[in-house]
PDB file of N, CA and C in Angstrom:
ATOM      1  N   MET A   1       0.764  -0.798   0.115  1.00  0.00           N
ATOM      2  CA  MET A   1      -0.002   0.067  -0.318  1.00  0.00           C
ATOM      3  C   MET A   1       0.671   1.216  -0.213  1.00  0.00           C
ATOM      4  N   ASP A   2       1.571   1.402  -0.987  1.00  0.00           N
ATOM      5  CA  ASP A   2       2.654   2.559  -0.790  1.00  0.00           C
ATOM      6  C   ASP A   2       1.805   3.474  -1.790  1.00  0.00           C
ATOM      7  N   GLU A   3       0.650   3.472  -2.374  1.00  0.00           N
ATOM      8  CA  GLU A   3       0.217   4.842  -2.965  1.00  0.00           C
ATOM      9  C   GLU A   3      -0.669   6.058  -2.051  1.00  0.00           C
ATOM     10  N   TYR A   4      -0.360   6.896  -2.738  1.00  0.00           N
ATOM     11  CA  TYR A   4      -1.370   8.046  -1.325  1.00  0.00           C
ATOM     12  C   TYR A   4      -1.778   9.078  -2.294  1.00  0.00           C
ATOM     13  N   VAL A   5      -2.500   9.629  -1.630  1.00  0.00           N
ATOM     14  CA  VAL A   5      -3.742  11.000  -2.082  1.00  0.00           C
ATOM     15  C   VAL A   5      -3.470  12.213  -1.788  1.00  0.00           C
ATOM     16  N   ARG A   6      -3.574  13.178  -2.514  1.00  0.00           N
ATOM     17  CA  ARG A   6      -3.458  14.784  -1.517  1.00  0.00           C
ATOM     18  C   ARG A   6      -4.629  15.098  -1.327  1.00  0.00           C
ATOM     19  N   CYS A   7      -4.536  15.791  -0.039  1.00  0.00           N
ATOM     20  CA  CYS A   7      -5.738  15.880   0.543  1.00  0.00           C
ATOM     21  C   CYS A   7      -6.210  17.222   0.164  1.00  0.00           C
ATOM     22  N   PRO A   8      -7.126  17.400  -0.240  1.00  0.00           N
ATOM     23  CA  PRO A   8      -7.866  18.280  -0.581  1.00  0.00           C
ATOM     24  C   PRO A   8      -8.216  19.803   0.310  1.00  0.00           C
ATOM     25  N   HIS A   9      -7.494  19.710   1.619  1.00  0.00           N
ATOM     26  CA  HIS A   9      -8.011  20.633   2.817  1.00  0.00           C
ATOM     27  C   HIS A   9      -6.515  21.161   2.626  1.00  0.00           C
ATOM     28  N   CYS A  10      -5.228  20.503   2.940  1.00  0.00           N
ATOM     29  CA  CYS A  10      -4.254  21.119   3.532  1.00  0.00           C
ATOM     30  C   CYS A  10      -2.860  20.854   2.197  1.00  0.00           C
ATOM     31  N   GLY A  11      -3.135  19.643   1.490  1.00  0.00           N
ATOM     32  CA  GLY A  11      -2.541  19.820   0.411  1.00  0.00           C
ATOM     33  C   GLY A  11      -1.168  18.296   0.654  1.00  0.00           C
ATOM     34  N   GLY A  12      -1.272  18.085   1.901  1.00  0.00           N
ATOM     35  CA  GLY A  12      -0.413  16.791   2.328  1.00  0.00           C
ATOM     36  C   GLY A  12      -0.759  15.656   1.733  1.00  0.00           C
ATOM     37  N   ASP A  13       0.029  14.807   1.391  1.00  0.00           N
ATOM     38  CA  ASP A  13       0.257  13.559   1.187  1.00  0.00           C
ATOM     39  C   ASP A  13      -0.221  12.521   2.190  1.00  0.00           C
ATOM     40  N   THR A  14      -1.326  11.562   2.087  1.00  0.00           N
ATOM     41  CA  THR A  14      -1.495  10.670   3.104  1.00  0.00           C
ATOM     42  C   THR A  14      -1.928   9.210   2.314  1.00  0.00           C
ATOM     43  N   PRO A  15      -1.564   8.341   2.745  1.00  0.00           N
ATOM     44  CA  PRO A  15      -1.962   7.038   2.317  1.00  0.00           C
ATOM     45  C   PRO A  15      -3.126   6.553   1.933  1.00  0.00           C
ATOM     46  N   ASP A  16      -3.383   6.126   1.057  1.00  0.00           N
ATOM     47  CA  ASP A  16      -4.918   5.956   0.446  1.00  0.00           C
ATOM     48  C   ASP A  16      -5.512   5.330   1.102  1.00  0.00           C
ATOM     49  N   GLU A  17      -5.335   4.526   1.882  1.00  0.00           N
ATOM     50  CA  GLU A  17      -6.189   3.514   2.878  1.00  0.00           C
ATOM     51  C   GLU A  17      -7.088   4.583   4.251  1.00  0.00           C
ATOM     52  N   ASN A  18      -6.159   5.593   4.702  1.00  0.00           N
ATOM     53  CA  ASN A  18      -6.739   6.431   5.524  1.00  0.00           C
ATOM     54  C   ASN A  18      -8.121   6.945   4.872  1.00  0.00           C
ATOM     55  N   LEU A  19      -9.102   7.367   5.958  1.00  0.00           N
ATOM     56  CA  LEU A  19     -10.117   8.097   5.646  1.00  0.00           C
ATOM     57  C   LEU A  19      -9.981   9.383   6.196  1.00  0.00           C
ATOM     58  N   ASN A  20      -9.486   9.809   6.694  1.00  0.00           N
ATOM     59  CA  ASN A  20      -8.712  11.079   7.151  1.00  0.00           C
ATOM     60  C   ASN A  20      -6.938  11.364   7.049  1.00  0.00           C
ATOM     61  N   CYS A  21      -7.053  12.581   6.994  1.00  0.00           N
ATOM     62  CA  CYS A  21      -6.108  13.235   6.607  1.00  0.00           C
ATOM     63  C   CYS A  21      -5.260  12.969   7.880  1.00  0.00           C
ATOM     64  N   ILE A  22      -3.846  12.519   7.596  1.00  0.00           N
ATOM     65  CA  ILE A  22      -2.900  12.444   8.987  1.00  0.00           C
ATOM     66  C   ILE A  22      -2.434  13.974   9.172  1.00  0.00           C
ATOM     67  N   TYR A  23      -2.671  15.087   8.463  1.00  0.00           N
ATOM     68  CA  TYR A  23      -1.917  16.131   8.920  1.00  0.00           C
ATOM     69  C   TYR A  23      -2.914  16.962   9.511  1.00  0.00           C
ATOM     70  N   CYS A  24      -4.147  17.207   8.623  1.00  0.00           N
ATOM     71  CA  CYS A  24      -4.873  18.140   9.397  1.00  0.00           C
ATOM     72  C   CYS A  24      -6.235  17.522   9.551  1.00  0.00           C
ATOM     73  N   GLY A  25      -6.410  16.352   9.689  1.00  0.00           N
ATOM     74  CA  GLY A  25      -7.440  15.414  10.372  1.00  0.00           C
ATOM     75  C   GLY A  25      -8.964  15.860   9.657  1.00  0.00           C
ATOM     76  N   GLU A  26      -8.570  16.362   8.378  1.00  0.00           N
ATOM     77  CA  GLU A  26     -10.361  16.392   7.347  1.00  0.00           C
ATOM     78  C   GLU A  26     -10.511  14.920   7.134  1.00  0.00           C
ATOM     79  N   ALA A  27     -12.087  14.500   7.036  1.00  0.00           N
ATOM     80  CA  ALA A  27     -12.225  13.310   6.200  1.00  0.00           C
ATOM     81  C   ALA A  27     -12.049  13.761   4.959  1.00  0.00           C
ATOM     82  N   PHE A  28     -11.928  12.858   4.268  1.00  0.00           N
ATOM     83  CA  PHE A  28     -11.665  12.749   2.827  1.00  0.00           C
ATOM     84  C   PHE A  28     -12.937  12.690   2.310  1.00  0.00           C
ATOM     85  N   PRO A  29     -13.158  13.189   1.131  1.00  0.00           N
ATOM     86  CA  PRO A  29     -14.486  12.798   0.372  1.00  0.00           C
ATOM     87  C   PRO A  29     -14.694  11.415   0.154  1.00  0.00           C
ATOM     88  N   ALA A  30     -16.042  10.983  -0.080  1.00  0.00           N
ATOM     89  CA  ALA A  30     -16.168   9.385  -0.182  1.00  0.00           C
ATOM     90  C   ALA A  30     -15.488   8.675  -1.470  1.00  0.00           C
ATOM     91  N   ALA A  31     -15.029   9.387  -2.635  1.00  0.00           N
ATOM     92  CA  ALA A  31     -14.106   8.896  -3.691  1.00  0.00           C
ATOM     93  C   ALA A  31     -12.670   8.382  -3.465  1.00  0.00           C
ATOM     94  N   LEU A  32     -12.525   9.490  -2.687  1.00  0.00           N
ATOM     95  CA  LEU A  32     -10.890   9.072  -2.002  1.00  0.00           C
ATOM     96  C   LEU A  32     -10.468   8.109  -1.268  1.00  0.00           C
ATOM     97  N   GLY A  33      -9.301   7.048  -1.374  1.00  0.00           N
ATOM     98  CA  GLY A  33      -9.140   5.966  -0.590  1.00  0.00           C
ATOM     99  C   GLY A  33      -9.770   4.547  -0.890  1.00  0.00           C
ATOM    100  N   VAL A  34      -9.060   3.722  -0.755  1.00  0.00           N
ATOM    101  CA  VAL A  34      -9.594   2.523  -0.737  1.00  0.00           C
ATOM    102  C   VAL A  34     -10.817   2.336   0.205  1.00  0.00           C
ATOM    103  N   PHE A  35     -10.693   2.343   1.078  1.00  0.00           N
ATOM    104  CA  PHE A  35     -12.228   2.329   1.684  1.00  0.00           C
ATOM    105  C   PHE A  35     -13.166   3.050   1.647  1.00  0.00           C
ATOM    106  N   GLY A  36     -13.007   4.059   0.639  1.00  0.00           N
ATOM    107  CA  GLY A  36     -14.285   5.272   0.441  1.00  0.00           C
ATOM    108  C   GLY A  36     -15.373   4.327   0.066  1.00  0.00           C
ATOM    109  N   ALA A  37     -15.356   3.286  -1.034  1.00  0.00           N
ATOM    110  CA  ALA A  37     -16.175   2.732  -1.256  1.00  0.00           C
ATOM    111  C   ALA A  37     -17.067   1.614  -0.334  1.00  0.00           C
ATOM    112  N   LEU A  38     -15.987   1.218   0.701  1.00  0.00           N
ATOM    113  CA  LEU A  38     -16.784   0.377   1.719  1.00  0.00           C
ATOM    114  C   LEU A  38     -17.449   1.253   2.740  1.00  0.00           C
ATOM    115  N   ARG A  39     -17.266   2.566   2.815  1.00  0.00           N
ATOM    116  CA  ARG A  39     -17.532   3.145   3.813  1.00  0.00           C
ATOM    117  C   ARG A  39     -18.838   3.944   3.420  1.00  0.00           C
ATOM    118  N   TYR A  40     -18.981   4.144   2.106  1.00  0.00           N
ATOM    119  CA  TYR A  40     -20.066   5.093   1.485  1.00  0.00           C
ATOM    120  C   TYR A  40     -21.013   4.177   0.510  1.00  0.00           C
ATOM    121  N   GLY A  41     -20.436   2.879  -0.488  1.00  0.00           N
ATOM    122  CA  GLY A  41     -20.982   2.503  -1.060  1.00  0.00           C
ATOM    123  C   GLY A  41     -22.068   1.279  -1.343  1.00  0.00           C
ATOM    124  N   TRP A  42     -22.924   1.009  -2.039  1.00  0.00           N
ATOM    125  CA  TRP A  42     -23.539  -0.094  -1.487  1.00  0.00           C
ATOM    126  C   TRP A  42     -23.032  -1.217  -2.173  1.00  0.00           C
ATOM    127  N   ARG A  43     -22.143  -1.223  -2.798  1.00  0.00           N
ATOM    128  CA  ARG A  43     -20.872  -2.308  -3.000  1.00  0.00           C
ATOM    129  C   ARG A  43     -20.424  -2.978  -1.832  1.00  0.00           C
ATOM    130  N   GLY A  44     -19.644  -2.118  -1.365  1.00  0.00           N
ATOM    131  CA  GLY A  44     -18.931  -2.155  -0.116  1.00  0.00           C
ATOM    132  C   GLY A  44     -19.629  -2.723   1.061  1.00  0.00           C
ATOM    133  N   VAL A  45     -20.809  -2.450   1.064  1.00  0.00           N
ATOM    134  CA  VAL A  45     -22.060  -3.195   2.227  1.00  0.00           C
ATOM    135  C   VAL A  45     -22.183  -4.074   1.585  1.00  0.00           C
ATOM    136  N   PHE A  46     -22.320  -4.388  -0.047  1.00  0.00           N
ATOM    137  CA  PHE A  46     -22.861  -6.278  -0.233  1.00  0.00           C
ATOM    138  C   PHE A  46     -21.885  -6.990   0.231  1.00  0.00           C
ATOM    139  N   CYS A  47     -20.523  -6.438  -0.336  1.00  0.00           N
ATOM    140  CA  CYS A  47     -19.445  -7.237   0.027  1.00  0.00           C
ATOM    141  C   CYS A  47     -18.981  -8.004   1.422  1.00  0.00           C
ATOM    142  N   ALA A  48     -19.068  -6.767   2.450  1.00  0.00           N
ATOM    143  CA  ALA A  48     -19.135  -6.941   3.708  1.00  0.00           C
ATOM    144  C   ALA A  48     -20.627  -7.749   3.846  1.00  0.00           C
ATOM    145  N   ALA A  49     -21.407  -8.005   3.504  1.00  0.00           N
ATOM    146  CA  ALA A  49     -22.454  -9.088   3.955  1.00  0.00           C
ATOM    147  C   ALA A  49     -22.008 -10.340   3.235  1.00  0.00           C
ATOM    148  N   VAL A  50     -21.538 -10.670   2.309  1.00  0.00           N
ATOM    149  CA  VAL A  50     -21.224 -12.106   1.421  1.00  0.00           C
ATOM    150  C   VAL A  50     -20.046 -12.356   2.475  1.00  0.00           C
ATOM    151  N   ALA A  51     -19.369 -11.505   2.959  1.00  0.00           N
ATOM    152  CA  ALA A  51     -17.990 -11.954   3.818  1.00  0.00           C
ATOM    153  C   ALA A  51     -18.670 -12.794   5.006  1.00  0.00           C
ATOM    154  N   LEU A  52     -19.384 -11.590   5.693  1.00  0.00           N
ATOM    155  CA  LEU A  52     -20.313 -12.127   6.852  1.00  0.00           C
ATOM    156  C   LEU A  52     -20.988 -13.309   6.486  1.00  0.00           C
ATOM    157  N   VAL A  53     -21.989 -13.880   5.600  1.00  0.00           N
ATOM    158  CA  VAL A  53     -22.258 -15.015   5.391  1.00  0.00           C
ATOM    159  C   VAL A  53     -21.052 -15.954   5.134  1.00  0.00           C
ATOM    160  N   LEU A  54     -20.264 -15.964   4.304  1.00  0.00           N
ATOM    161  CA  LEU A  54     -19.209 -16.773   4.401  1.00  0.00           C
ATOM    162  C   LEU A  54     -18.491 -17.251   5.611  1.00  0.00           C
ATOM    163  N   ILE A  55     -18.368 -16.356   5.970  1.00  0.00           N
ATOM    164  CA  ILE A  55     -17.559 -16.294   7.812  1.00  0.00           C
ATOM    165  C   ILE A  55     -18.572 -17.314   8.660  1.00  0.00           C
ATOM    166  N   LEU A  56     -20.119 -17.091   8.682  1.00  0.00           N
ATOM    167  CA  LEU A  56     -21.082 -17.860   9.346  1.00  0.00           C
ATOM    168  C   LEU A  56     -21.166 -19.112   9.023  1.00  0.00           C
ATOM    169  N   SER A  57     -21.215 -19.226   7.360  1.00  0.00           N
ATOM    170  CA  SER A  57     -21.469 -21.002   6.792  1.00  0.00           C
ATOM    171  C   SER A  57     -20.401 -21.663   7.179  1.00  0.00           C
ATOM    172  N   ILE A  58     -18.897 -21.144   7.527  1.00  0.00           N
ATOM    173  CA  ILE A  58     -18.012 -21.992   7.925  1.00  0.00           C
ATOM    174  C   ILE A  58     -18.128 -22.189   9.240  1.00  0.00           C
ATOM    175  N   LEU A  59     -17.790 -21.456   9.788  1.00  0.00           N
ATOM    176  CA  LEU A  59     -18.171 -21.589  11.153  1.00  0.00           C
ATOM    177  C   LEU A  59     -19.524 -22.759  11.827  1.00  0.00           C
ATOM    178  N   ALA A  60     -20.759 -22.318  11.056  1.00  0.00           N
ATOM    179  CA  ALA A  60     -21.376 -23.636  11.261  1.00  0.00           C
ATOM    180  C   ALA A  60     -21.331 -25.083  10.591  1.00  0.00           C
ATOM    181  N   TRP A  61     -20.588 -24.939   9.367  1.00  0.00           N
ATOM    182  CA  TRP A  61     -19.963 -26.091   8.885  1.00  0.00           C
ATOM    183  C   TRP A  61     -18.687 -26.856  10.260  1.00  0.00           C
ATOM    184  N   LEU A  62     -17.619 -26.374  10.633  1.00  0.00           N
ATOM    185  CA  LEU A  62     -17.292 -26.730  11.903  1.00  0.00           C
ATOM    186  C   LEU A  62     -17.559 -26.928  13.069  1.00  0.00           C
ATOM    187  N   VAL A  63     -18.910 -26.584  13.144  1.00  0.00           N
ATOM    188  CA  VAL A  63     -19.525 -26.650  14.411  1.00  0.00           C
ATOM    189  C   VAL A  63     -20.461 -28.322  14.303  1.00  0.00           C
ATOM    190  N   VAL A  64     -21.018 -28.343  13.129  1.00  0.00           N
ATOM    191  CA  VAL A  64     -21.893 -29.446  12.744  1.00  0.00           C
ATOM    192  C   VAL A  64     -20.915 -30.603  12.640  1.00  0.00           C
TER     193      VAL A  64
END
């Protein structure tokens, strides 16, 4: 994860996985960063739900 995004507020370079700027603390717009889609988009919610179902299925299989 060596990619950086430029903060629209202070202009500092922050790792793209951060949701806030490491220099000024301002939140990034939804489009910036890796977790922007997970935090704001329906695709992220869907992927999280699928992952949860898979984990619960594996746990149920191990118990039985």
